[in-house]
């Protein structure tokens, strides 16, 4: 006859129950903590606020062009890194980080200012800013001197490249391309070779500007006057000026 198995003591049973209770309690705490810091995504109202700020930044970057011509802005809000675990927050402030571009592939900062844990993250954005501007009508190679018939107007995305496209095709007529452009591409100042307004040794008109006054004199250019660069000019008195080439045989000096 087989002997009966010994029954566990009440103390042993209570010990097992106590251990199980501790494990369950710890699991519940971990689950609650995980729920508290679950993956977070902006709600509809925050997305709307982010889009409004992006449109405002794009309008500011476009400057006077936004006032003179209709501008259409599309904002695509990206997603945060799914590995981020952000605590609940009662107040989230969006902001444009310093140095972040106003359009194109950019980002919007989001910071929690009211919550158990303050956090600060970047939300990726794609901001498209559409406006009518100068474009080329055909494929044109570097060195092409632009003619009126090669230029037109079309709606372009300002954020597709750095620099604003020229508003008026007339501003590009007679200029030389510094790079190849495909048909339909916008014409930006950076696509054009810098103009040379005068050569070294030529006599130039010097326009000195101040608050409420202007003085015009003449001088001799000591180097070529290239658009966007500084020219050195010797006045009749022998003084050397650093001035900005502003037109054919002309420089400006702001005092």
Protein backbone atom coordinates (compact mmCIF):
# COMPACT_ATOMS: atom_id res chain seq x y z
CA UNK A 1 0.00 0.00 0.00
CA UNK A 2 1.39 3.33 -1.07
CA UNK A 3 1.84 5.97 1.56
CA UNK A 4 -0.06 9.27 1.08
CA UNK A 5 1.90 12.34 0.01
CA UNK A 6 2.49 14.79 2.84
CA UNK A 7 0.14 17.73 2.76
CA UNK A 8 1.75 21.19 2.57
CA UNK A 9 1.56 23.09 5.76
CA UNK A 10 -0.59 26.19 6.11
CA UNK A 11 2.60 28.25 6.55
CA UNK A 12 4.00 27.02 3.24
CA UNK A 13 0.76 27.79 1.41
CA UNK A 14 0.65 31.27 2.88
CA UNK A 15 4.27 31.81 1.86
CA UNK A 16 3.50 30.90 -1.78
CA UNK A 17 0.44 33.15 -1.80
CA UNK A 18 2.48 36.03 -0.41
CA UNK A 19 5.19 35.64 -3.04
CA UNK A 20 2.56 35.52 -5.80
CA UNK A 21 0.93 38.66 -4.45
CA UNK A 22 4.26 40.50 -4.49
CA UNK A 23 4.92 39.42 -8.09
CA UNK A 24 1.45 40.48 -9.19
CA UNK A 25 1.79 43.83 -7.46
CA UNK A 26 5.17 44.50 -9.10
CA UNK A 27 3.72 43.55 -12.50
CA UNK A 28 0.79 45.90 -11.98
CA UNK A 29 3.16 48.76 -11.12
CA UNK A 30 5.21 48.12 -14.25
CA UNK A 31 2.11 48.03 -16.43
CA UNK A 32 0.80 51.25 -14.92
CA UNK A 33 4.19 52.91 -15.47
CA UNK A 34 4.32 51.67 -19.06
CA UNK A 35 0.85 53.03 -19.72
CA UNK A 36 1.84 56.36 -18.20
CA UNK A 37 4.87 56.63 -20.52
CA UNK A 38 3.37 55.02 -23.60
CA UNK A 39 4.33 56.12 -27.08
CA UNK A 40 2.90 59.61 -27.59
CA UNK A 41 1.58 61.37 -30.68
CA UNK A 42 0.27 64.95 -31.07
CA UNK A 43 -3.49 65.36 -31.05
CA UNK A 44 -5.46 67.22 -33.72
CA UNK A 45 -5.39 70.58 -31.92
CA UNK A 46 -1.61 70.48 -31.49
CA UNK A 47 -1.12 69.48 -35.12
CA UNK A 48 -3.25 72.47 -36.12
CA UNK A 49 -1.13 74.78 -33.96
CA UNK A 50 2.06 73.38 -35.48
CA UNK A 51 0.68 73.91 -39.00
CA UNK A 52 -0.28 77.50 -38.18
CA UNK A 53 3.21 78.26 -36.90
CA UNK A 54 4.77 76.64 -39.98
CA UNK A 55 2.61 78.77 -42.29
CA UNK A 56 3.50 81.91 -40.36
CA UNK A 57 7.22 81.12 -40.55
CA UNK A 58 6.97 80.48 -44.29
CA UNK A 59 5.18 83.79 -44.82
CA UNK A 60 7.87 85.64 -42.87
CA UNK A 61 10.64 83.97 -44.87
CA UNK A 62 8.94 84.86 -48.16
CA UNK A 63 8.91 88.52 -47.08
CA UNK A 64 7.41 91.01 -49.50
CA UNK A 65 6.71 88.26 -52.04
CA UNK A 66 4.06 86.84 -49.73
CA UNK A 67 2.30 90.22 -49.73
CA UNK A 68 2.58 90.84 -53.46
CA UNK A 69 1.61 87.41 -54.76
CA UNK A 70 -0.76 84.67 -53.58
CA UNK A 71 1.03 82.01 -51.55
CA UNK A 72 -0.20 78.47 -50.96
CA UNK A 73 1.29 76.51 -48.04
CA UNK A 74 1.01 72.77 -47.43
CA UNK A 75 2.35 71.25 -44.22
CA UNK A 76 2.98 67.53 -43.81
CA UNK A 77 3.44 66.63 -40.15
CA UNK A 78 5.75 63.68 -39.60
CA UNK A 79 5.94 61.23 -36.72
CA UNK A 80 8.10 61.11 -33.64
CA UNK A 81 10.55 58.29 -33.11
CA UNK A 82 8.33 55.38 -31.92
CA UNK A 83 11.00 54.48 -29.38
CA UNK A 84 10.29 57.70 -27.47
CA UNK A 85 8.23 57.23 -24.32
CA UNK A 86 6.82 60.56 -23.21
CA UNK A 87 4.95 61.17 -19.99
CA UNK A 88 1.48 62.76 -20.15
CA UNK A 89 1.60 66.55 -20.39
CA UNK A 90 -1.08 69.16 -19.68
CA UNK A 91 0.56 71.90 -21.78
CA UNK A 92 2.75 71.43 -24.86
CA UNK A 93 4.33 74.45 -26.55
CA UNK A 94 5.43 74.22 -30.21
CA UNK A 95 8.34 76.41 -31.37
CA UNK A 96 10.65 76.77 -34.36
CA UNK A 97 14.18 75.81 -33.24
CA UNK A 98 16.92 78.38 -33.96
CA UNK A 99 18.49 77.73 -37.33
CA UNK A 100 15.70 75.45 -38.56
CA UNK A 101 14.52 76.41 -42.09
CA UNK A 102 11.03 77.84 -42.41
CA UNK A 103 10.18 75.54 -45.34
CA UNK A 104 11.26 72.34 -46.99
CA UNK A 105 12.37 69.50 -44.75
CA UNK A 106 12.43 71.08 -41.31
CA UNK A 107 11.30 70.39 -37.76
CA UNK A 108 9.14 71.91 -35.06
CA UNK A 109 10.17 71.77 -31.41
CA UNK A 110 7.63 70.52 -28.84
CA UNK A 111 8.26 71.08 -25.16
CA UNK A 112 6.17 69.98 -22.19
CA UNK A 113 5.79 72.84 -19.71
CA UNK A 114 3.12 71.37 -17.43
CA UNK A 115 3.48 67.74 -16.48
CA UNK A 116 5.04 65.29 -14.08
CA UNK A 117 8.07 65.13 -16.38
CA UNK A 118 9.14 68.00 -18.64
CA UNK A 119 10.38 66.91 -22.05
CA UNK A 120 11.52 68.52 -25.28
CA UNK A 121 11.41 66.78 -28.68
CA UNK A 122 11.57 67.63 -32.39
CA UNK A 123 8.69 66.82 -34.71
CA UNK A 124 9.70 66.42 -38.40
CA UNK A 125 7.79 68.54 -40.93
CA UNK A 126 7.72 69.00 -44.68
CA UNK A 127 6.58 72.51 -45.56
CA UNK A 128 5.72 73.24 -49.20
CA UNK A 129 5.30 76.91 -50.16
CA UNK A 130 3.83 77.39 -53.62
CA UNK A 131 3.97 80.73 -55.45
CA UNK A 132 4.15 81.93 -59.05
CA UNK A 133 7.70 82.82 -60.06
CA UNK A 134 10.10 82.92 -63.01
CA UNK A 135 10.88 79.57 -64.68
CA UNK A 136 12.77 78.46 -67.80
CA UNK A 137 10.69 77.10 -70.69
CA UNK A 138 13.29 74.59 -71.93
CA UNK A 139 16.40 72.73 -70.84
CA UNK A 140 19.19 75.31 -70.71
CA UNK A 141 22.89 74.73 -70.17
CA UNK A 142 25.45 76.59 -68.11
CA UNK A 143 26.66 79.75 -69.84
CA UNK A 144 23.33 80.44 -71.57
CA UNK A 145 22.55 84.16 -71.82
CA UNK A 146 18.86 84.29 -71.00
CA UNK A 147 16.37 85.78 -73.44
CA UNK A 148 12.75 86.74 -72.81
CA UNK A 149 11.45 83.88 -74.96
CA UNK A 150 13.23 81.34 -72.77
CA UNK A 151 11.45 82.51 -69.63
CA UNK A 152 7.94 82.28 -68.26
CA UNK A 153 5.97 82.08 -65.02
CA UNK A 154 4.60 79.07 -63.15
CA UNK A 155 3.73 77.97 -59.62
CA UNK A 156 6.85 76.64 -57.93
CA UNK A 157 7.75 75.28 -54.50
CA UNK A 158 9.94 77.84 -52.75
CA UNK A 159 11.16 75.21 -50.33
CA UNK A 160 12.55 72.93 -53.04
CA UNK A 161 15.92 74.71 -52.90
CA UNK A 162 17.67 77.54 -51.09
CA UNK A 163 17.05 81.10 -52.19
CA UNK A 164 13.91 82.78 -53.50
CA UNK A 165 13.06 82.51 -57.21
CA UNK A 166 12.97 85.74 -59.22
CA UNK A 167 9.49 87.26 -59.29
CA UNK A 168 9.75 88.99 -62.67
CA UNK A 169 11.20 87.26 -65.77
CA UNK A 170 12.56 90.64 -66.90
CA UNK A 171 15.04 90.49 -64.01
CA UNK A 172 16.69 87.45 -65.60
CA UNK A 173 16.88 88.70 -69.20
CA UNK A 174 20.50 89.21 -70.26
CA UNK A 175 21.87 87.27 -67.30
CA UNK A 176 24.13 84.22 -67.72
CA UNK A 177 23.31 80.85 -66.19
CA UNK A 178 25.81 79.55 -63.67
CA UNK A 179 24.37 76.00 -63.81
CA UNK A 180 22.20 73.78 -65.98
CA UNK A 181 18.44 74.18 -65.55
CA UNK A 182 15.74 71.74 -66.62
CA UNK A 183 12.53 72.92 -68.27
CA UNK A 184 10.11 74.23 -65.65
CA UNK A 185 12.82 74.91 -63.08
CA UNK A 186 12.58 78.21 -61.19
CA UNK A 187 15.31 80.79 -61.72
CA UNK A 188 17.02 81.89 -58.52
CA UNK A 189 19.76 84.48 -58.03
CA UNK A 190 22.13 81.62 -57.20
CA UNK A 191 21.48 80.13 -60.66
CA UNK A 192 22.94 83.23 -62.34
CA UNK A 193 26.52 84.34 -62.70
CA UNK A 194 27.40 87.46 -60.74
CA UNK A 195 27.42 90.62 -62.84
CA UNK A 196 30.60 92.64 -63.26
CA UNK A 197 29.71 96.33 -63.25
CA UNK A 198 33.19 97.69 -63.96
CA UNK A 199 36.84 96.69 -64.33
CA UNK A 200 39.87 97.65 -62.28
CA UNK A 201 41.18 101.08 -63.23
CA UNK A 202 37.84 102.44 -64.45
CA UNK A 203 36.39 105.69 -63.15
CA UNK A 204 33.29 105.00 -61.06
CA UNK A 205 30.54 107.08 -59.51
CA UNK A 206 30.66 106.94 -55.69
CA UNK A 207 27.33 107.47 -53.91
CA UNK A 208 27.75 108.03 -50.16
CA UNK A 209 24.49 107.60 -48.25
CA UNK A 210 23.58 108.76 -44.76
CA UNK A 211 20.43 109.45 -42.76
CA UNK A 212 18.63 112.09 -44.79
CA UNK A 213 21.57 112.98 -47.04
CA UNK A 214 23.51 111.81 -50.09
CA UNK A 215 26.87 112.85 -51.54
CA UNK A 216 28.07 111.89 -55.03
CA UNK A 217 31.69 111.96 -56.11
CA UNK A 218 34.06 110.01 -58.35
CA UNK A 219 36.93 107.62 -57.80
CA UNK A 220 39.10 105.02 -59.46
CA UNK A 221 38.30 101.33 -59.03
CA UNK A 222 41.23 99.36 -57.64
CA UNK A 223 39.63 96.00 -58.43
CA UNK A 224 36.76 94.68 -60.53
CA UNK A 225 33.28 95.55 -59.34
CA UNK A 226 31.46 92.22 -59.04
CA UNK A 227 27.90 91.90 -57.79
CA UNK A 228 27.79 90.80 -54.17
CA UNK A 229 31.46 91.56 -53.53
CA UNK A 230 33.26 94.58 -52.08
CA UNK A 231 35.12 96.98 -54.37
CA UNK A 232 38.02 99.19 -53.31
CA UNK A 233 37.88 102.70 -54.72
CA UNK A 234 40.47 105.51 -54.49
CA UNK A 235 38.92 108.96 -54.30
CA UNK A 236 40.43 112.13 -55.79
CA UNK A 237 41.82 112.97 -52.36
CA UNK A 238 43.66 109.62 -52.21
CA UNK A 239 41.33 108.03 -49.63
CA UNK A 240 40.62 104.29 -50.08
CA UNK A 241 36.96 103.29 -49.71
CA UNK A 242 35.39 99.85 -49.46
CA UNK A 243 32.07 100.12 -51.27
CA UNK A 244 29.33 97.94 -52.75
CA UNK A 245 29.06 97.75 -56.56
CA UNK A 246 25.47 98.80 -57.30
CA UNK A 247 25.31 99.37 -61.08
CA UNK A 248 27.30 100.14 -64.19
CA UNK A 249 30.40 102.04 -63.04
CA UNK A 250 28.76 102.86 -59.71
CA UNK A 251 29.30 101.96 -56.07
CA UNK A 252 27.39 102.75 -52.88
CA UNK A 253 28.84 103.54 -49.50
CA UNK A 254 26.62 103.68 -46.41
CA UNK A 255 27.90 105.91 -43.62
